[in-house]
């Protein structure tokens, strides 16, 4: 079995950034919106650094104006994701981009997103769940209506709540109200931390927001005590190596701490984050990890099992996905 043929579980994927740039250009053209400045001569996204990346990302979302746009986006994004063998993925979706945080509008967007996901499941065999995310750089007050949107639409499809955006804006505890609201509604919790912030940001996120997963979390490696605690408590890190390399959160693949974290007993998973922005796919992530650390098919099967166990979906779905992973392994 090649890495391309392996079925894969992906937990850390931003919804709008999972679609091909060509799709965003098409949506912008339909609306006569000029976002040409965010692309290079080859039609790929272009940005200078992380802060500019956020600006380009926000500009791309301006081409998405309606629930129907998000239905089409969902189908296109999941089609692209499935091409790398992904059979289950969770994407971060922000009501800030889907109705501006208005609950009634959000319900319309979510229904459209689910319709797109169901069509993609039928056509490509990929299963999808939504994680609502507030945007950290908009501040704690702006996060509250987003958490309410999540709480009011929690169910078998929308299963998680988290926070993305500029990590160094504020402290995790500033957002405790929103995470408490989501937790009390029954949502599973994750949060970006330790991509740019130090190990203290990871520790504070775990303490103040009580999440079961951390998005990125790679800077935990700088604190041995924290690494031991992550391993002991079974905290899952949604690691996105290619993203970290491209954005220079690490100096290169060889410097990435994912292998050391795993060797020390931390539960790590592999995801693409914003694949077209970083010119990556899940297959490319696997290939680069194999090239850099010598990981083989058995290692990636173990990573899939860790990701499936940590997935924010119901037991029946996990059982079905586990069978697909097992059947693929038995066929090779």
Protein backbone atom coordinates (compact mmCIF):
# COMPACT_ATOMS: atom_id res chain seq x y z
CA UNK A 1 0.00 0.00 0.00
CA UNK A 2 1.26 3.46 -0.88
CA UNK A 3 0.73 6.51 1.29
CA UNK A 4 -1.68 7.85 -1.32
CA UNK A 5 -3.81 4.70 -1.09
CA UNK A 6 -4.04 4.71 2.70
CA UNK A 7 -7.40 5.74 4.18
CA UNK A 8 -6.87 8.70 6.50
CA UNK A 9 -8.51 10.52 9.41
CA UNK A 10 -8.04 14.29 9.55
CA UNK A 11 -9.01 16.42 12.55
CA UNK A 12 -7.60 19.92 11.91
CA UNK A 13 -8.86 21.54 8.72
CA UNK A 14 -10.23 25.04 8.20
CA UNK A 15 -13.41 24.89 6.17
CA UNK A 16 -12.97 27.87 3.85
CA UNK A 17 -9.28 27.13 3.31
CA UNK A 18 -9.87 23.54 2.23
CA UNK A 19 -11.28 24.47 -1.18
CA UNK A 20 -9.05 24.86 -4.24
CA UNK A 21 -8.07 28.47 -5.08
CA UNK A 22 -9.82 28.04 -8.43
CA UNK A 23 -13.10 27.60 -6.59
CA UNK A 24 -12.63 30.83 -4.65
CA UNK A 25 -11.69 32.68 -7.85
CA UNK A 26 -14.82 31.36 -9.52
CA UNK A 27 -17.02 32.46 -6.62
CA UNK A 28 -15.44 35.91 -6.65
CA UNK A 29 -15.91 36.23 -10.40
CA UNK A 30 -19.59 35.34 -10.11
CA UNK A 31 -20.02 38.25 -7.70
CA UNK A 32 -17.69 40.69 -9.46
CA UNK A 33 -15.44 40.84 -6.40
CA UNK A 34 -11.80 41.66 -7.12
CA UNK A 35 -9.54 39.54 -4.91
CA UNK A 36 -6.84 39.11 -7.55
CA UNK A 37 -4.23 40.55 -5.21
CA UNK A 38 -4.24 37.44 -3.00
CA UNK A 39 -3.02 35.14 -5.80
CA UNK A 40 0.35 34.74 -7.52
CA UNK A 41 0.86 34.39 -11.26
CA UNK A 42 0.18 30.64 -11.02
CA UNK A 43 -3.16 31.21 -9.32
CA UNK A 44 -2.03 30.11 -5.87
CA UNK A 45 -2.52 32.06 -2.67
CA UNK A 46 0.38 34.37 -1.82
CA UNK A 47 1.26 36.02 1.50
CA UNK A 48 4.32 37.34 3.33
CA UNK A 49 3.96 36.02 6.87
CA UNK A 50 1.39 34.74 9.35
CA UNK A 51 -0.31 38.10 9.89
CA UNK A 52 -0.59 38.63 6.13
CA UNK A 53 -1.82 35.05 5.78
CA UNK A 54 -4.75 35.91 8.09
CA UNK A 55 -5.53 38.93 5.89
CA UNK A 56 -5.41 36.85 2.71
CA UNK A 57 -7.59 34.18 4.32
CA UNK A 58 -10.17 36.79 5.33
CA UNK A 59 -10.08 38.27 1.82
CA UNK A 60 -10.77 34.88 0.28
CA UNK A 61 -13.85 34.44 2.45
CA UNK A 62 -15.32 37.63 0.98
CA UNK A 63 -16.22 35.56 -2.07
CA UNK A 64 -18.55 33.46 0.09
CA UNK A 65 -21.78 35.33 0.70
CA UNK A 66 -24.67 32.92 1.10
CA UNK A 67 -25.70 29.49 2.40
CA UNK A 68 -25.67 28.24 -1.19
CA UNK A 69 -22.06 29.39 -1.52
CA UNK A 70 -21.16 27.36 1.55
CA UNK A 71 -23.01 24.32 0.22
CA UNK A 72 -20.90 24.48 -2.93
CA UNK A 73 -17.78 25.19 -0.88
CA UNK A 74 -18.35 22.17 1.35
CA UNK A 75 -18.78 19.84 -1.60
CA UNK A 76 -15.68 21.20 -3.37
CA UNK A 77 -13.55 21.09 -0.23
CA UNK A 78 -14.53 17.55 0.68
CA UNK A 79 -14.02 16.39 -2.90
CA UNK A 80 -10.49 17.76 -2.78
CA UNK A 81 -9.82 16.27 0.66
CA UNK A 82 -11.10 12.84 -0.40
CA UNK A 83 -8.56 12.77 -3.25
CA UNK A 84 -5.86 12.13 -0.63
CA UNK A 85 -7.68 9.16 0.82
CA UNK A 86 -9.33 11.01 3.71
CA UNK A 87 -12.41 9.04 4.78
CA UNK A 88 -13.31 11.25 7.74
CA UNK A 89 -12.53 14.86 8.49
CA UNK A 90 -13.57 17.58 10.86
CA UNK A 91 -13.49 21.17 9.70
CA UNK A 92 -13.49 24.42 11.62
CA UNK A 93 -16.45 26.58 10.60
CA UNK A 94 -17.01 30.07 11.97
CA UNK A 95 -20.48 31.64 12.18
CA UNK A 96 -18.59 34.94 11.86
CA UNK A 97 -18.27 34.04 8.17
CA UNK A 98 -21.75 32.50 8.04
CA UNK A 99 -24.26 35.16 8.94
CA UNK A 100 -22.08 37.28 11.21
CA UNK A 101 -22.94 35.32 14.33
CA UNK A 102 -26.71 35.68 13.97
CA UNK A 103 -28.30 32.43 15.16
CA UNK A 104 -31.12 32.31 12.61
CA UNK A 105 -28.73 32.98 9.75
CA UNK A 106 -26.25 30.45 11.10
CA UNK A 107 -28.91 27.73 11.08
CA UNK A 108 -29.47 28.35 7.37
CA UNK A 109 -25.75 28.19 6.65
CA UNK A 110 -25.30 25.03 8.70
CA UNK A 111 -28.16 23.32 6.86
CA UNK A 112 -26.51 24.19 3.55
CA UNK A 113 -23.11 22.97 4.75
CA UNK A 114 -24.62 19.69 5.84
CA UNK A 115 -26.34 19.29 2.47
CA UNK A 116 -23.00 19.72 0.74
CA UNK A 117 -21.36 17.24 3.10
CA UNK A 118 -24.06 14.62 2.55
CA UNK A 119 -23.63 14.94 -1.22
CA UNK A 120 -19.85 14.57 -0.86
CA UNK A 121 -20.30 11.52 1.36
CA UNK A 122 -22.50 9.90 -1.29
CA UNK A 123 -20.17 10.76 -4.16
CA UNK A 124 -16.72 10.37 -2.55
CA UNK A 125 -17.21 8.24 0.57
CA UNK A 126 -15.91 10.93 2.92
CA UNK A 127 -17.62 11.55 6.26
CA UNK A 128 -17.64 15.02 7.78
CA UNK A 129 -18.31 16.75 11.10
CA UNK A 130 -18.32 20.46 11.95
CA UNK A 131 -16.47 22.23 14.76
CA UNK A 132 -17.70 25.77 15.36
CA UNK A 133 -14.83 28.15 16.04
CA UNK A 134 -14.77 31.62 17.46
CA UNK A 135 -12.00 33.90 16.21
CA UNK A 136 -9.56 34.88 18.91
CA UNK A 137 -8.49 38.19 17.40
CA UNK A 138 -12.11 39.43 17.51
CA UNK A 139 -12.04 39.27 21.31
CA UNK A 140 -13.93 37.52 24.13
CA UNK A 141 -17.22 39.37 23.70
CA UNK A 142 -17.43 38.46 20.02
CA UNK A 143 -16.89 34.81 20.96
CA UNK A 144 -20.05 34.62 23.09
CA UNK A 145 -22.66 34.68 20.29
CA UNK A 146 -20.52 32.18 18.37
CA UNK A 147 -20.58 29.80 21.33
CA UNK A 148 -24.35 30.27 21.52
CA UNK A 149 -24.64 29.37 17.82
CA UNK A 150 -22.71 26.18 18.56
CA UNK A 151 -24.77 25.33 21.65
CA UNK A 152 -28.07 25.85 19.86
CA UNK A 153 -27.13 23.67 16.88
CA UNK A 154 -25.15 20.90 18.62
CA UNK A 155 -26.07 17.44 17.37
CA UNK A 156 -24.87 14.46 15.38
CA UNK A 157 -23.27 16.65 12.72
CA UNK A 158 -22.10 19.73 14.58
CA UNK A 159 -20.16 18.11 17.38
CA UNK A 160 -17.39 20.44 18.57
CA UNK A 161 -16.43 23.95 19.60
CA UNK A 162 -13.03 25.60 19.45
CA UNK A 163 -11.05 28.75 18.85
CA UNK A 164 -8.81 29.76 15.97
CA UNK A 165 -7.28 33.05 14.83
CA UNK A 166 -4.33 35.08 16.07
CA UNK A 167 -3.04 33.10 19.05
CA UNK A 168 -1.19 35.91 20.78
CA UNK A 169 -4.30 38.08 21.23
CA UNK A 170 -5.34 37.84 24.88
CA UNK A 171 -5.14 34.85 27.18
CA UNK A 172 -7.15 31.62 27.13
CA UNK A 173 -9.00 32.46 30.32
CA UNK A 174 -10.52 35.50 28.63
CA UNK A 175 -12.66 33.09 26.61
CA UNK A 176 -13.72 30.79 29.48
CA UNK A 177 -17.36 31.92 29.36
CA UNK A 178 -17.77 30.76 25.76
CA UNK A 179 -16.05 27.44 26.36
CA UNK A 180 -18.10 26.83 29.50
CA UNK A 181 -21.28 27.50 27.51
CA UNK A 182 -20.25 25.07 24.79
CA UNK A 183 -19.19 22.41 27.28
CA UNK A 184 -22.46 22.61 29.19
CA UNK A 185 -24.33 22.14 25.90
CA UNK A 186 -22.45 18.88 25.34
CA UNK A 187 -19.94 19.92 22.69
CA UNK A 188 -16.46 18.42 22.56
CA UNK A 189 -13.73 21.05 22.87
CA UNK A 190 -10.49 21.94 21.12
CA UNK A 191 -8.43 25.13 20.85
CA UNK A 192 -5.47 26.40 18.85
CA UNK A 193 -2.50 26.91 21.18
CA UNK A 194 1.25 26.48 21.16
CA UNK A 195 1.71 27.19 17.47
CA UNK A 196 3.14 30.66 18.19
CA UNK A 197 2.69 30.91 21.94
CA UNK A 198 4.99 29.12 24.34
CA UNK A 199 4.26 26.11 26.51
CA UNK A 200 2.52 28.41 28.99
CA UNK A 201 -0.14 29.08 26.37
CA UNK A 202 -0.80 25.35 26.05
CA UNK A 203 -0.88 24.88 29.82
CA UNK A 204 -3.21 27.85 30.33
CA UNK A 205 -5.53 26.61 27.58
CA UNK A 206 -5.83 23.20 29.22
CA UNK A 207 -6.37 24.70 32.65
CA UNK A 208 -8.77 27.51 31.77
CA UNK A 209 -10.71 26.08 28.83
CA UNK A 210 -10.63 22.37 29.75
CA UNK A 211 -10.25 21.10 26.20
CA UNK A 212 -9.52 17.50 25.23
CA UNK A 213 -7.55 18.43 22.13
CA UNK A 214 -5.05 21.16 21.27
CA UNK A 215 -4.67 22.55 17.78
CA UNK A 216 -0.94 22.47 16.93
CA UNK A 217 0.54 22.47 20.46
CA UNK A 218 4.07 22.00 19.16
CA UNK A 219 5.73 24.47 21.54
CA UNK A 220 4.80 22.23 24.45
CA UNK A 221 8.09 20.51 23.61
CA UNK A 222 9.92 23.38 25.35
CA UNK A 223 8.63 22.31 28.78
CA UNK A 224 9.47 18.76 29.87
CA UNK A 225 6.96 18.82 32.70
CA UNK A 226 4.18 19.85 30.35
CA UNK A 227 5.10 17.15 27.83
CA UNK A 228 4.88 14.56 30.60
CA UNK A 229 1.50 15.92 31.66
CA UNK A 230 0.15 15.83 28.11
CA UNK A 231 1.18 12.20 27.86
CA UNK A 232 -0.21 11.31 31.28
CA UNK A 233 -3.55 13.05 30.69
CA UNK A 234 -3.99 11.73 27.15
CA UNK A 235 -4.34 15.18 25.59
CA UNK A 236 -4.41 14.90 21.81
CA UNK A 237 -2.41 17.31 19.65
CA UNK A 238 -3.75 18.15 16.19
CA UNK A 239 -0.35 18.63 14.57
CA UNK A 240 -0.02 20.20 11.12
CA UNK A 241 3.67 19.80 10.20
CA UNK A 242 3.55 21.22 6.68
CA UNK A 243 1.71 24.30 7.89
CA UNK A 244 4.27 24.84 10.64
CA UNK A 245 7.12 24.60 8.14
CA UNK A 246 5.59 26.96 5.57
CA UNK A 247 4.62 29.59 8.15
CA UNK A 248 8.04 29.22 9.81
CA UNK A 249 6.69 28.20 13.19
CA UNK A 250 9.60 25.74 12.93
CA UNK A 251 12.79 26.15 10.90
CA UNK A 252 12.22 23.05 8.77
CA UNK A 253 10.95 19.49 8.69
CA UNK A 254 14.00 18.16 10.54
CA UNK A 255 13.38 20.63 13.37
CA UNK A 256 9.73 19.71 13.82
CA UNK A 257 9.02 18.26 17.29
CA UNK A 258 6.23 15.86 16.25
CA UNK A 259 8.50 12.80 16.40
CA UNK A 260 9.91 13.68 19.82
CA UNK A 261 6.45 14.39 21.18
CA UNK A 262 5.25 11.01 19.95
CA UNK A 263 8.29 9.20 21.30
CA UNK A 264 7.59 10.70 24.71
CA UNK A 265 4.07 9.31 24.75
CA UNK A 266 2.05 12.33 23.63
CA UNK A 267 -0.93 11.49 21.44
CA UNK A 268 -0.27 13.23 18.12
CA UNK A 269 -2.31 13.30 14.94
CA UNK A 270 -1.51 14.68 11.49
CA UNK A 271 -3.56 17.23 9.53
CA UNK A 272 -3.14 19.78 6.74
CA UNK A 273 -4.60 22.92 8.40
CA UNK A 274 -5.13 25.04 5.23
CA UNK A 275 -3.92 22.75 2.43
CA UNK A 276 -4.08 24.98 -0.69
CA UNK A 277 -2.40 27.82 1.21
CA UNK A 278 0.49 25.52 2.14
CA UNK A 279 0.61 23.45 -1.09
CA UNK A 280 0.02 20.26 0.84
CA UNK A 281 -2.29 17.27 1.11
CA UNK A 282 -2.58 14.49 3.65
CA UNK A 283 -0.60 12.26 1.30
CA UNK A 284 2.20 14.83 1.11
CA UNK A 285 2.21 15.14 4.91
CA UNK A 286 2.66 11.38 5.22
CA UNK A 287 5.38 11.35 2.56
CA UNK A 288 7.33 14.15 4.23
CA UNK A 289 7.07 12.53 7.65
CA UNK A 290 8.31 9.26 6.15
CA UNK A 291 11.21 11.04 4.46
CA UNK A 292 12.15 13.04 7.55
CA UNK A 293 11.58 10.58 10.40
CA UNK A 294 11.40 7.22 8.69
CA UNK A 295 7.80 6.60 9.69
CA UNK A 296 6.26 3.69 7.82
CA UNK A 297 2.80 2.32 7.08
CA UNK A 298 2.50 0.90 10.62
CA UNK A 299 3.25 4.31 12.12
CA UNK A 300 0.59 6.00 10.01
CA UNK A 301 -1.95 3.32 10.85
CA UNK A 302 -1.26 4.02 14.52
CA UNK A 303 -1.71 7.75 13.91
CA UNK A 304 -5.03 7.05 12.22
CA UNK A 305 -6.15 5.03 15.22
CA UNK A 306 -5.20 7.86 17.57
CA UNK A 307 -7.09 10.35 15.41
CA UNK A 308 -10.17 8.15 15.19
CA UNK A 309 -10.23 7.65 18.94
CA UNK A 310 -10.03 11.44 19.42
CA UNK A 311 -12.61 12.28 16.74
CA UNK A 312 -15.67 14.27 17.75
CA UNK A 313 -18.19 11.80 16.34
CA UNK A 314 -20.50 9.11 17.74
CA UNK A 315 -19.57 5.54 18.54
CA UNK A 316 -21.39 4.04 15.55
CA UNK A 317 -19.51 6.29 13.15
CA UNK A 318 -16.21 5.38 14.80
CA UNK A 319 -17.04 1.69 14.50
CA UNK A 320 -17.80 2.06 10.79
CA UNK A 321 -14.60 4.03 10.17
CA UNK A 322 -12.54 1.53 12.19
CA UNK A 323 -13.85 -1.24 9.93
CA UNK A 324 -12.82 0.71 6.82
CA UNK A 325 -9.33 1.20 8.23
CA UNK A 326 -9.09 -2.49 9.20
CA UNK A 327 -10.37 -3.72 5.84
CA UNK A 328 -7.83 -1.56 4.01
CA UNK A 329 -5.03 -2.93 6.18
CA UNK A 330 -6.16 -6.52 5.61
CA UNK A 331 -6.24 -6.01 1.86
CA UNK A 332 -2.48 -5.29 1.83
